[in-house]
Protein backbone atom coordinates (compact mmCIF):
# COMPACT_ATOMS: atom_id res chain seq x y z
CA UNK A 1 0.00 0.00 0.00
CA UNK A 2 1.34 3.33 -1.19
CA UNK A 3 1.22 6.27 1.14
CA UNK A 4 0.16 9.72 -0.30
CA UNK A 5 3.10 11.94 -1.03
CA UNK A 6 2.94 15.46 0.23
CA UNK A 7 4.51 18.09 -1.97
CA UNK A 8 6.29 20.94 -0.43
CA UNK A 9 5.52 24.56 -1.47
CA UNK A 10 8.45 24.67 -3.90
CA UNK A 11 7.39 21.42 -5.57
CA UNK A 12 3.82 22.68 -5.96
CA UNK A 13 5.04 25.87 -7.70
CA UNK A 14 7.25 23.87 -10.08
CA UNK A 15 4.31 21.61 -10.98
CA UNK A 16 2.10 24.62 -11.75
CA UNK A 17 4.70 26.09 -14.10
CA UNK A 18 5.03 22.82 -16.01
CA UNK A 19 1.25 22.58 -16.36
CA UNK A 20 1.02 26.14 -17.69
CA UNK A 21 3.68 25.52 -20.33
CA UNK A 22 1.91 22.35 -21.47
CA UNK A 23 -1.42 24.21 -21.84
CA UNK A 24 0.27 26.94 -23.93
CA UNK A 25 1.83 24.34 -26.23
CA UNK A 26 -1.49 22.58 -26.73
CA UNK A 27 -3.29 25.88 -27.45
CA UNK A 28 -0.84 26.83 -30.18
CA UNK A 29 -0.82 23.45 -31.79
CA UNK A 30 -4.62 23.49 -31.98
CA UNK A 31 -4.61 26.62 -34.14
CA UNK A 32 -5.77 29.13 -31.53
CA UNK A 33 -4.18 32.50 -32.37
CA UNK A 34 -3.01 34.94 -29.75
CA UNK A 35 -4.76 38.31 -29.45
CA UNK A 36 -4.23 40.30 -32.67
CA UNK A 37 -2.07 43.48 -32.65
CA UNK A 38 -3.54 46.87 -33.47
CA UNK A 39 -2.22 48.32 -36.74
CA UNK A 40 -1.07 51.94 -36.89
CA UNK A 41 -2.72 54.37 -39.32
CA UNK A 42 -1.00 54.69 -42.71
CA UNK A 43 -1.22 58.02 -44.51
CA UNK A 44 0.49 58.89 -47.80
CA UNK A 45 0.64 62.60 -48.65
CA UNK A 46 0.73 63.39 -52.36
CA UNK A 47 1.51 67.06 -53.14
CA UNK A 48 1.91 67.83 -56.84
CA UNK A 49 3.56 71.05 -58.01
CA UNK A 50 0.70 71.82 -60.41
CA UNK A 51 -1.82 71.72 -57.58
CA UNK A 52 0.48 73.86 -55.49
CA UNK A 53 0.72 76.44 -58.26
CA UNK A 54 -3.02 76.98 -58.16
CA UNK A 55 -3.08 77.40 -54.43
CA UNK A 56 -4.47 73.93 -53.75
CA UNK A 57 -3.70 72.25 -50.46
CA UNK A 58 -1.94 68.86 -50.28
CA UNK A 59 -4.28 65.94 -50.85
CA UNK A 60 -4.25 62.69 -48.93
CA UNK A 61 -3.67 59.93 -51.47
CA UNK A 62 -4.58 57.20 -49.00
CA UNK A 63 -6.69 57.43 -45.88
CA UNK A 64 -5.91 55.87 -42.52
CA UNK A 65 -6.65 52.15 -42.55
CA UNK A 66 -6.36 49.73 -39.63
CA UNK A 67 -7.09 46.62 -41.73
CA UNK A 68 -3.81 44.77 -42.46
CA UNK A 69 -5.30 43.29 -45.65
CA UNK A 70 -5.78 46.73 -47.20
CA UNK A 71 -2.55 48.47 -46.27
CA UNK A 72 -0.79 48.14 -49.68
CA UNK A 73 1.73 45.75 -48.22
CA UNK A 74 2.80 48.09 -45.44
CA UNK A 75 2.16 46.84 -41.93
CA UNK A 76 2.92 49.02 -38.95
CA UNK A 77 1.97 47.08 -35.84
CA UNK A 78 1.96 48.53 -32.36
CA UNK A 79 0.92 46.75 -29.19
CA UNK A 80 -1.33 48.65 -26.81
CA UNK A 81 0.96 49.51 -23.89
CA UNK A 82 -0.18 48.27 -20.49
CA UNK A 83 -1.22 50.81 -17.94
CA UNK A 84 1.47 51.10 -15.35
CA UNK A 85 2.99 53.56 -13.03
CA UNK A 86 5.92 55.53 -14.41
CA UNK A 87 9.32 54.28 -13.39
CA UNK A 88 11.16 56.26 -10.79
CA UNK A 89 13.83 58.50 -12.32
CA UNK A 90 17.21 56.80 -12.59
CA UNK A 91 19.99 58.09 -10.48
CA UNK A 92 23.00 59.67 -12.12
CA UNK A 93 25.62 57.18 -13.20
CA UNK A 94 23.35 54.11 -13.08
CA UNK A 95 23.12 51.50 -15.85
CA UNK A 96 19.46 52.40 -16.45
CA UNK A 97 20.34 55.99 -17.26
CA UNK A 98 23.29 55.03 -19.46
CA UNK A 99 21.12 52.70 -21.56
CA UNK A 100 18.50 55.31 -22.48
CA UNK A 101 18.90 58.01 -25.15
CA UNK A 102 16.43 60.84 -25.72
CA UNK A 103 14.87 60.74 -29.22
CA UNK A 104 13.18 64.14 -28.90
CA UNK A 105 15.15 66.78 -30.86
CA UNK A 106 15.71 70.11 -29.16
CA UNK A 107 13.30 72.88 -30.16
CA UNK A 108 15.26 75.55 -31.98
CA UNK A 109 14.05 78.93 -33.26
CA UNK A 110 13.60 79.08 -37.08
CA UNK A 111 16.65 80.27 -38.97
CA UNK A 112 15.79 83.51 -40.78
CA UNK A 113 15.95 83.34 -44.57
CA UNK A 114 18.00 86.08 -46.21
CA UNK A 115 17.41 87.35 -49.73
CA UNK A 116 20.25 88.27 -52.02
CA UNK A 117 20.29 91.89 -53.10
CA UNK A 118 18.92 92.45 -56.61
CA UNK A 119 21.63 92.22 -59.27
CA UNK A 120 19.47 93.23 -62.21
CA UNK A 121 21.24 95.99 -64.18
CA UNK A 122 19.94 99.44 -63.32
CA UNK A 123 17.63 100.98 -65.90
CA UNK A 124 18.08 104.62 -66.81
CA UNK A 125 15.20 105.54 -69.08
CA UNK A 126 14.33 109.10 -70.02
CA UNK A 127 11.30 109.23 -72.33
CA UNK A 128 10.71 111.83 -74.97
CA UNK A 129 8.85 114.86 -73.78
CA UNK A 130 5.13 114.22 -73.80
CA UNK A 131 5.53 110.50 -74.49
CA UNK A 132 2.71 108.24 -73.44
CA UNK A 133 4.16 105.09 -71.92
CA UNK A 134 2.54 101.72 -71.28
CA UNK A 135 3.94 98.38 -70.11
CA UNK A 136 2.73 94.95 -71.20
CA UNK A 137 3.20 92.25 -68.56
CA UNK A 138 2.78 88.46 -68.72
CA UNK A 139 2.39 86.31 -65.60
CA UNK A 140 2.80 82.65 -64.59
CA UNK A 141 5.15 81.42 -67.33
CA UNK A 142 7.19 80.52 -69.06
CA UNK A 143 5.83 77.53 -70.92
CA UNK A 144 6.45 75.76 -74.19
CA UNK A 145 3.19 76.67 -75.92
CA UNK A 146 2.02 80.25 -75.42
CA UNK A 147 5.27 81.94 -74.36
CA UNK A 148 7.02 81.28 -77.72
CA UNK A 149 4.05 82.71 -79.65
CA UNK A 150 3.94 85.81 -77.45
CA UNK A 151 7.68 86.36 -77.86
CA UNK A 152 7.41 86.08 -81.64
CA UNK A 153 4.64 88.71 -81.72
CA UNK A 154 6.65 91.09 -79.51
CA UNK A 155 9.74 90.65 -81.69
CA UNK A 156 7.79 91.21 -84.91
CA UNK A 157 6.28 94.36 -83.39
CA UNK A 158 9.73 95.56 -82.25
CA UNK A 159 8.63 96.09 -78.66
CA UNK A 160 9.60 94.67 -75.27
CA UNK A 161 7.50 93.45 -72.35
CA UNK A 162 7.94 92.19 -68.78
CA UNK A 163 7.49 88.55 -67.81
CA UNK A 164 6.72 87.78 -64.15
CA UNK A 165 7.86 84.17 -63.94
CA UNK A 166 7.03 81.38 -61.49
CA UNK A 167 9.95 79.37 -60.13
CA UNK A 168 8.48 75.97 -60.93
CA UNK A 169 8.01 77.00 -64.57
CA UNK A 170 11.48 78.54 -64.73
CA UNK A 171 12.93 75.23 -63.61
CA UNK A 172 11.19 73.37 -66.45
CA UNK A 173 11.68 75.92 -69.25
CA UNK A 174 15.21 77.25 -68.85
CA UNK A 175 15.75 77.72 -72.59
CA UNK A 176 12.60 79.85 -72.80
CA UNK A 177 13.90 82.04 -69.98
CA UNK A 178 17.10 82.57 -71.94
CA UNK A 179 15.07 83.54 -75.00
CA UNK A 180 12.98 86.05 -73.02
CA UNK A 181 16.16 87.76 -71.88
CA UNK A 182 18.00 87.50 -75.22
CA UNK A 183 15.18 89.28 -77.04
CA UNK A 184 15.37 92.28 -74.72
CA UNK A 185 12.44 91.58 -72.44
CA UNK A 186 12.45 92.00 -68.68
CA UNK A 187 12.02 89.25 -66.09
CA UNK A 188 10.36 89.64 -62.70
CA UNK A 189 9.77 87.35 -59.72
CA UNK A 190 6.26 85.90 -59.36
CA UNK A 191 7.08 83.55 -56.43
CA UNK A 192 8.22 79.93 -56.55
CA UNK A 193 4.89 78.08 -56.59
CA UNK A 194 2.22 80.78 -56.97
CA UNK A 195 1.06 80.75 -53.36
CA UNK A 196 -0.99 83.55 -51.84
CA UNK A 197 1.82 85.47 -50.13
CA UNK A 198 -0.62 87.54 -48.08
CA UNK A 199 -1.45 84.41 -46.05
CA UNK A 200 2.14 83.36 -45.32
CA UNK A 201 4.47 84.24 -42.46
CA UNK A 202 7.81 86.00 -42.88
CA UNK A 203 9.97 82.95 -43.53
CA UNK A 204 7.42 81.42 -45.89
CA UNK A 205 7.29 84.61 -47.96
CA UNK A 206 11.07 84.84 -48.06
CA UNK A 207 11.30 81.19 -49.09
CA UNK A 208 8.89 81.70 -51.99
CA UNK A 209 10.85 84.71 -53.26
CA UNK A 210 14.31 83.24 -52.68
CA UNK A 211 13.64 79.95 -54.46
CA UNK A 212 12.42 81.83 -57.52
CA UNK A 213 15.41 84.21 -57.29
CA UNK A 214 17.85 81.30 -57.37
CA UNK A 215 16.23 79.69 -60.44
CA UNK A 216 15.94 82.97 -62.36
CA UNK A 217 19.54 83.84 -61.57
CA UNK A 218 20.65 80.41 -62.76
CA UNK A 219 19.00 80.87 -66.16
CA UNK A 220 19.35 84.61 -66.72
CA UNK A 221 22.36 85.68 -64.67
CA UNK A 222 20.71 88.17 -62.34
CA UNK A 223 18.37 88.48 -59.38
CA UNK A 224 15.34 90.59 -60.41
CA UNK A 225 14.39 93.77 -58.60
CA UNK A 226 10.69 93.65 -59.42
CA UNK A 227 8.19 91.28 -57.78
CA UNK A 228 4.51 90.68 -58.46
CA UNK A 229 2.45 88.91 -55.82
CA UNK A 230 0.32 85.99 -57.08
CA UNK A 231 -3.35 86.99 -57.39
CA UNK A 232 -2.24 90.55 -56.60
CA UNK A 233 -2.70 89.61 -52.94
CA UNK A 234 -0.61 91.95 -50.81
CA UNK A 235 -0.29 92.25 -47.02
CA UNK A 236 1.46 94.85 -44.84
CA UNK A 237 4.06 92.18 -43.98
CA UNK A 238 4.78 91.53 -47.66
CA UNK A 239 5.20 95.25 -48.32
CA UNK A 240 7.61 95.53 -45.40
CA UNK A 241 9.69 92.57 -46.55
CA UNK A 242 9.92 93.91 -50.10
CA UNK A 243 11.01 97.32 -48.85
CA UNK A 244 13.63 95.80 -46.54
CA UNK A 245 15.06 93.83 -49.45
CA UNK A 246 15.10 96.66 -52.02
CA UNK A 247 12.39 95.10 -54.18
CA UNK A 248 9.68 96.93 -56.11
CA UNK A 249 6.26 95.36 -55.65
CA UNK A 250 4.40 95.70 -58.94
CA UNK A 251 0.65 95.63 -59.57
CA UNK A 252 -1.34 96.52 -62.69
CA UNK A 253 -3.85 99.09 -63.89
CA UNK A 254 -5.64 97.02 -66.57
CA UNK A 255 -6.60 93.36 -66.12
CA UNK A 256 -7.48 91.78 -69.47
CA UNK A 257 -9.02 88.78 -67.65
CA UNK A 258 -7.46 86.48 -70.22
CA UNK A 259 -7.08 83.91 -67.45
CA UNK A 260 -10.88 83.63 -67.38
CA UNK A 261 -11.10 82.89 -71.11
CA UNK A 262 -12.61 86.28 -72.01
CA UNK A 263 -13.33 86.85 -75.69
CA UNK A 264 -10.92 88.79 -77.88
CA UNK A 265 -13.52 91.52 -78.49
CA UNK A 266 -14.23 91.96 -74.77
CA UNK A 267 -10.54 92.16 -73.85
CA UNK A 268 -9.75 94.55 -76.69
CA UNK A 269 -12.52 96.93 -75.64
CA UNK A 270 -11.34 96.73 -72.01
CA UNK A 271 -7.75 97.61 -72.91
CA UNK A 272 -8.69 100.50 -75.18
CA UNK A 273 -11.09 101.97 -72.65
CA UNK A 274 -8.95 101.68 -69.51
CA UNK A 275 -5.36 102.22 -70.66
CA UNK A 276 -3.86 105.57 -69.66
CA UNK A 277 -0.31 106.96 -69.77
CA UNK A 278 1.86 105.13 -67.24
CA UNK A 279 -0.42 102.11 -67.29
CA UNK A 280 0.49 98.46 -66.76
CA UNK A 281 -1.53 95.81 -68.62
CA UNK A 282 -1.88 92.32 -67.14
CA UNK A 283 -1.89 89.21 -69.32
CA UNK A 284 -0.58 85.65 -68.94
CA UNK A 285 1.91 83.44 -70.77
CA UNK A 286 0.94 80.14 -69.16
CA UNK A 287 -2.51 78.70 -68.56
CA UNK A 288 -5.28 76.68 -70.16
CA UNK A 289 -7.37 79.49 -71.70
CA UNK A 290 -4.84 81.68 -73.47
CA UNK A 291 -5.57 81.12 -77.17
CA UNK A 292 -7.41 84.44 -77.13
CA UNK A 293 -4.40 86.15 -75.55
CA UNK A 294 -2.27 85.29 -78.58
CA UNK A 295 -4.98 86.66 -80.89
CA UNK A 296 -5.47 89.78 -78.76
CA UNK A 297 -1.82 90.83 -78.46
CA UNK A 298 -1.15 92.11 -82.01
CA UNK A 299 -4.50 93.91 -82.01
CA UNK A 300 -3.89 95.95 -78.85
CA UNK A 301 -0.30 96.67 -79.88
CA UNK A 302 -1.66 98.19 -83.10
CA UNK A 303 -4.47 100.05 -81.27
CA UNK A 304 -2.20 101.60 -78.65
CA UNK A 305 0.49 102.54 -81.17
CA UNK A 306 -2.19 104.34 -83.18
CA UNK A 307 -3.06 106.28 -80.00
CA UNK A 308 0.55 107.39 -79.66
CA UNK A 309 1.68 105.00 -76.92
CA UNK A 310 5.27 103.81 -76.51
CA UNK A 311 5.75 100.30 -75.12
CA UNK A 312 8.31 99.93 -72.33
CA UNK A 313 9.28 97.42 -69.67
CA UNK A 314 8.15 97.89 -66.09
CA UNK A 315 11.62 99.02 -64.97
CA UNK A 316 11.74 101.55 -67.81
CA UNK A 317 8.34 102.81 -66.72
CA UNK A 318 9.54 103.16 -63.11
CA UNK A 319 12.69 104.98 -64.27
CA UNK A 320 10.60 107.37 -66.37
CA UNK A 321 8.33 108.09 -63.42
CA UNK A 322 11.35 108.69 -61.17
CA UNK A 323 12.82 111.04 -63.78
CA UNK A 324 9.56 112.97 -64.04
CA UNK A 325 9.35 113.21 -60.25
CA UNK A 326 12.93 114.50 -60.00
CA UNK A 327 12.31 117.11 -62.67
CA UNK A 328 9.11 118.25 -60.97
CA UNK A 329 10.96 118.56 -57.66
CA UNK A 330 13.79 120.54 -59.27
CA UNK A 331 11.29 122.86 -60.95
CA UNK A 332 9.50 123.41 -57.65
CA UNK A 333 12.74 124.23 -55.84
CA UNK A 334 13.73 126.61 -58.61
CA UNK A 335 10.38 128.33 -58.39
CA UNK A 336 10.69 128.68 -54.63
CA UNK A 337 14.18 130.17 -54.86
CA UNK A 338 13.00 132.91 -57.21
CA UNK A 339 10.41 134.12 -54.73
């Protein structure tokens, strides 16, 4: 007859551990899966330059998805951390402290962006007495379709114009930039990606102008002095920045509305009615609705020439205005001295 064997406390604990391990092995072998992990959200941001040009915000190409079967082959799994009390801070010099490295970068103030001073050659333009001046300007280019046609019309008419170029376009059409310059036309800065500068902070504005400066300088050999804000949207901050950096912020006096696909007849009537001496006419050299612009250009050149207008670049127009102002001031001082 066998006597019952009493197990000590240590033996009982060892038996329990063995039993637990056996249960786990059986569970796995029977196909029972452990609790599934939660999958992190996967977001892919797609930001095209063409959308950015038109002021569009970045679009999300893929939305967050926690289903591992629909994550395009990307699986980011994270286990839900158990709730526990924070560990006590390690003492200096301990192994715990030596084994941990902070992954949080230090917060630093933004580095201010600096613009290069304009290197565009100075323009000294003195118009004939009584001359009526007007400047043709073309925004948003260059491109490979409309810009060449516009340049050919200007050359055939023996006149020059001013092209306010967008950095993204400059980067793609370097040879067209060289042609604009070679044929005697002026180049201005129209930002890098056609963003509304009135809604940006200081560094964002400077970044938009500087990136375009660099690309224009690369193709044409100078940093332009004149700047036109996309959409004509101007803020007090933008005006201050332009003044600090010796830039002339240029607007317009006549908007042909060619960007809206206006008819040739409507645009022609608009230009003839609203153009006055010292005026600046706004057109575009890149866009989807500019066939009428190419048809309009030779017509208004002929109309304005018949009215006695002389076509100049924006910088020539500014120089002429400065000359007229200086002469008026000198005449006033002379008149005062005779009294």
